[in-house]
C-alpha atoms as a PDB file:
ATOM      1  CA  MET A   1      14.841  17.081 -64.457  1.00  0.00           C
ATOM      2  CA  SER A   2      13.917  17.649 -60.887  1.00  0.00           C
ATOM      3  CA  THR A   3      16.740  17.976 -58.375  1.00  0.00           C
ATOM      4  CA  ASN A   4      14.548  17.719 -55.301  1.00  0.00           C
ATOM      5  CA  PRO A   5      15.625  14.781 -53.187  1.00  0.00           C
ATOM      6  CA  GLN A   6      12.878  12.463 -52.235  1.00  0.00           C
ATOM      7  CA  VAL A   7      11.764  12.964 -48.634  1.00  0.00           C
ATOM      8  CA  PRO A   8      11.325   9.686 -46.753  1.00  0.00           C
ATOM      9  CA  PRO A   9       7.897   9.104 -45.269  1.00  0.00           C
ATOM     10  CA  PRO A  10       7.517   9.712 -41.524  1.00  0.00           C
ATOM     11  CA  PRO A  11       7.894   6.664 -39.291  1.00  0.00           C
ATOM     12  CA  PRO A  12       4.652   4.854 -38.502  1.00  0.00           C
ATOM     13  CA  GLN A  13       2.899   5.781 -35.285  1.00  0.00           C
ATOM     14  CA  THR A  14       3.126   3.094 -32.623  1.00  0.00           C
ATOM     15  CA  GLY A  15      -0.079   3.857 -30.775  1.00  0.00           C
ATOM     16  CA  GLN A  16       1.790   4.538 -27.543  1.00  0.00           C
ATOM     17  CA  SER A  17       1.408   8.003 -26.167  1.00  0.00           C
ATOM     18  CA  GLY A  18       2.993   9.530 -23.121  1.00  0.00           C
ATOM     19  CA  LEU A  19       6.111   8.451 -21.296  1.00  0.00           C
ATOM     20  CA  SER A  20       7.907   5.174 -21.700  1.00  0.00           C
ATOM     21  CA  ASP A  21       7.839   2.827 -18.723  1.00  0.00           C
ATOM     22  CA  ASN A  22      11.511   3.500 -17.981  1.00  0.00           C
ATOM     23  CA  ALA A  23      11.036   7.280 -18.066  1.00  0.00           C
ATOM     24  CA  ALA A  24       7.938   7.138 -15.858  1.00  0.00           C
ATOM     25  CA  GLY A  25       9.715   4.851 -13.373  1.00  0.00           C
ATOM     26  CA  ALA A  26      12.659   7.259 -13.190  1.00  0.00           C
ATOM     27  CA  ILE A  27      10.471  10.361 -12.913  1.00  0.00           C
ATOM     28  CA  ALA A  28       8.585   8.775 -10.022  1.00  0.00           C
ATOM     29  CA  TYR A  29      11.667   9.299  -7.838  1.00  0.00           C
ATOM     30  CA  LEU A  30      11.961  13.054  -8.410  1.00  0.00           C
ATOM     31  CA  THR A  31       9.511  13.872  -5.608  1.00  0.00           C
ATOM     32  CA  ILE A  32       6.474  12.187  -4.139  1.00  0.00           C
ATOM     33  CA  ILE A  33       4.193  14.193  -6.429  1.00  0.00           C
ATOM     34  CA  PRO A  34       4.932  12.276  -9.659  1.00  0.00           C
ATOM     35  CA  ALA A  35       4.834   9.005  -7.715  1.00  0.00           C
ATOM     36  CA  ILE A  36       1.331   9.794  -6.460  1.00  0.00           C
ATOM     37  CA  ILE A  37       0.209  10.976  -9.903  1.00  0.00           C
ATOM     38  CA  PHE A  38       1.498   7.780 -11.548  1.00  0.00           C
ATOM     39  CA  LEU A  39      -0.466   5.714  -9.023  1.00  0.00           C
ATOM     40  CA  LEU A  40      -3.660   7.616  -9.856  1.00  0.00           C
ATOM     41  CA  VAL A  41      -3.498   8.199 -13.638  1.00  0.00           C
ATOM     42  CA  ASP A  42      -4.138   5.744 -16.446  1.00  0.00           C
ATOM     43  CA  PRO A  43      -2.212   3.940 -18.020  1.00  0.00           C
ATOM     44  CA  TYR A  44       0.588   4.204 -15.448  1.00  0.00           C
ATOM     45  CA  ASN A  45      -1.500   2.899 -12.540  1.00  0.00           C
ATOM     46  CA  LYS A  46      -1.959  -0.390 -14.404  1.00  0.00           C
ATOM     47  CA  ASN A  47       1.726  -0.831 -15.223  1.00  0.00           C
ATOM     48  CA  SER A  48       3.507  -3.011 -12.665  1.00  0.00           C
ATOM     49  CA  PHE A  49       6.938  -1.463 -13.371  1.00  0.00           C
ATOM     50  CA  VAL A  50       5.760   2.124 -12.855  1.00  0.00           C
ATOM     51  CA  ARG A  51       3.669   1.145  -9.823  1.00  0.00           C
ATOM     52  CA  PHE A  52       6.683  -0.570  -8.249  1.00  0.00           C
ATOM     53  CA  HIS A  53       8.920   2.471  -8.612  1.00  0.00           C
ATOM     54  CA  SER A  54       6.148   4.813  -7.439  1.00  0.00           C
ATOM     55  CA  PHE A  55       5.533   2.758  -4.300  1.00  0.00           C
ATOM     56  CA  GLN A  56       9.250   2.391  -3.651  1.00  0.00           C
ATOM     57  CA  CYS A  57       9.630   6.184  -3.902  1.00  0.00           C
ATOM     58  CA  LEU A  58       6.817   6.735  -1.402  1.00  0.00           C
ATOM     59  CA  PHE A  59       8.251   4.173   1.018  1.00  0.00           C
ATOM     60  CA  LEU A  60      11.751   5.630   0.618  1.00  0.00           C
ATOM     61  CA  CYS A  61      10.449   9.115   1.426  1.00  0.00           C
ATOM     62  CA  ALA A  62       8.625   7.816   4.501  1.00  0.00           C
ATOM     63  CA  VAL A  63      11.743   6.014   5.748  1.00  0.00           C
ATOM     64  CA  ALA A  64      13.894   9.092   5.075  1.00  0.00           C
ATOM     65  CA  ILE A  65      11.546  11.310   7.086  1.00  0.00           C
ATOM     66  CA  VAL A  66      11.476   8.900  10.030  1.00  0.00           C
ATOM     67  CA  VAL A  67      15.265   8.439  10.006  1.00  0.00           C
ATOM     68  CA  ASP A  68      15.875  12.190   9.694  1.00  0.00           C
ATOM     69  CA  ILE A  69      13.575  12.943  12.647  1.00  0.00           C
ATOM     70  CA  ALA A  70      15.170  10.214  14.791  1.00  0.00           C
ATOM     71  CA  PHE A  71      18.655  11.406  13.848  1.00  0.00           C
ATOM     72  CA  GLY A  72      17.713  14.994  14.702  1.00  0.00           C
ATOM     73  CA  ILE A  73      16.367  13.976  18.107  1.00  0.00           C
ATOM     74  CA  LEU A  74      19.442  11.874  18.900  1.00  0.00           C
ATOM     75  CA  LEU A  75      21.717  14.682  17.764  1.00  0.00           C
ATOM     76  CA  ALA A  76      19.860  17.205  19.957  1.00  0.00           C
ATOM     77  CA  ILE A  77      20.097  14.923  22.999  1.00  0.00           C
ATOM     78  CA  ALA A  78      23.770  14.231  22.373  1.00  0.00           C
ATOM     79  CA  THR A  79      24.459  17.955  22.034  1.00  0.00           C
ATOM     80  CA  MET A  80      22.797  18.649  25.394  1.00  0.00           C
ATOM     81  CA  VAL A  81      24.657  15.839  27.162  1.00  0.00           C
ATOM     82  CA  PHE A  82      28.034  16.433  25.541  1.00  0.00           C
ATOM     83  CA  PRO A  83      28.600  20.127  24.748  1.00  0.00           C
ATOM     84  CA  MET A  84      31.295  19.337  22.188  1.00  0.00           C
ATOM     85  CA  MET A  85      28.897  17.030  20.367  1.00  0.00           C
ATOM     86  CA  PHE A  86      27.799  19.968  18.192  1.00  0.00           C
ATOM     87  CA  LEU A  87      30.430  18.614  15.838  1.00  0.00           C
ATOM     88  CA  GLY A  88      27.932  15.831  15.149  1.00  0.00           C
ATOM     89  CA  ALA A  89      25.940  18.371  13.166  1.00  0.00           C
ATOM     90  CA  PHE A  90      28.461  17.784  10.396  1.00  0.00           C
ATOM     91  CA  LEU A  91      26.975  14.317  10.069  1.00  0.00           C
ATOM     92  CA  TRP A  92      23.661  15.791   8.927  1.00  0.00           C
ATOM     93  CA  PRO A  93      24.932  16.763   5.441  1.00  0.00           C
ATOM     94  CA  LEU A  94      26.403  13.276   5.078  1.00  0.00           C
ATOM     95  CA  LEU A  95      22.989  11.786   5.782  1.00  0.00           C
ATOM     96  CA  MET A  96      21.441  14.084   3.171  1.00  0.00           C
ATOM     97  CA  LEU A  97      24.107  13.058   0.640  1.00  0.00           C
ATOM     98  CA  PHE A  98      23.311   9.422   1.407  1.00  0.00           C
ATOM     99  CA  TRP A  99      19.604   9.971   0.613  1.00  0.00           C
ATOM    100  CA  LEU A 100      20.526  11.844  -2.555  1.00  0.00           C
ATOM    101  CA  GLY A 101      22.783   8.977  -3.620  1.00  0.00           C
ATOM    102  CA  VAL A 102      20.030   6.424  -3.037  1.00  0.00           C
ATOM    103  CA  VAL A 103      17.555   8.461  -5.090  1.00  0.00           C
ATOM    104  CA  ILE A 104      20.059   8.907  -7.941  1.00  0.00           C
ATOM    105  CA  LEU A 105      20.775   5.165  -7.914  1.00  0.00           C
ATOM    106  CA  CYS A 106      17.047   4.420  -8.126  1.00  0.00           C
ATOM    107  CA  ILE A 107      16.571   6.923 -10.967  1.00  0.00           C
ATOM    108  CA  VAL A 108      19.427   5.413 -12.967  1.00  0.00           C
ATOM    109  CA  LYS A 109      18.229   1.836 -12.425  1.00  0.00           C
ATOM    110  CA  ALA A 110      14.629   2.719 -13.331  1.00  0.00           C
ATOM    111  CA  SER A 111      15.739   4.545 -16.481  1.00  0.00           C
ATOM    112  CA  GLN A 112      17.642   1.395 -17.502  1.00  0.00           C
ATOM    113  CA  GLY A 113      14.496  -0.682 -17.064  1.00  0.00           C
ATOM    114  CA  VAL A 114      15.746  -2.494 -13.954  1.00  0.00           C
ATOM    115  CA  ARG A 115      13.358  -3.283 -11.118  1.00  0.00           C
ATOM    116  CA  PHE A 116      15.971  -2.492  -8.444  1.00  0.00           C
ATOM    117  CA  GLN A 117      14.715  -3.333  -4.954  1.00  0.00           C
ATOM    118  CA  LEU A 118      16.088  -1.377  -2.040  1.00  0.00           C
ATOM    119  CA  PRO A 119      16.765  -3.437   1.083  1.00  0.00           C
ATOM    120  CA  LEU A 120      13.790  -3.703   3.447  1.00  0.00           C
ATOM    121  CA  ILE A 121      11.391  -1.480   1.491  1.00  0.00           C
ATOM    122  CA  GLY A 122      11.807  -3.035  -1.968  1.00  0.00           C
ATOM    123  CA  PRO A 123       9.828  -6.197  -1.161  1.00  0.00           C
ATOM    124  CA  PHE A 124       6.958  -4.076   0.241  1.00  0.00           C
ATOM    125  CA  ALA A 125       6.924  -1.989  -2.948  1.00  0.00           C
ATOM    126  CA  ALA A 126       6.922  -5.146  -5.083  1.00  0.00           C
ATOM    127  CA  LYS A 127       4.016  -6.551  -3.096  1.00  0.00           C
ATOM    128  CA  GLN A 128       2.009  -3.326  -3.460  1.00  0.00           C
ATOM    129  CA  ALA A 129       2.755  -3.186  -7.191  1.00  0.00           C
ATOM    130  CA  GLY A 130       1.526  -6.723  -7.653  1.00  0.00           C
ATOM    131  CA  ALA A 131       4.867  -8.010  -8.891  1.00  0.00           C
END
């Protein structure tokens, strides 16, 4: 008598290779580099969900850069006009925490398979993604 337990066969291959749509959508928010890569590489550049999150990441980064520059200029002017306004520099980390929170929210929603649209830039991303 053989005491070797029978090993179950491996699960069938599904034909899908690479990242799932949810994972690719979430990874697109890590920096602009994966977002750009997903917009250029097959099969992700044909997937509306991944394209949406990639475009939304790029638009979010552009808005963050513009807002950060404007905030820096306003803070510099306010510091020159009001010498005690240097305390406003403590607002800078709060702005950075806000951007981090928005990115984390987008990553979580994308990993759950939700096409979460940010106000103002979400509709532009949806239009670019063809959704």
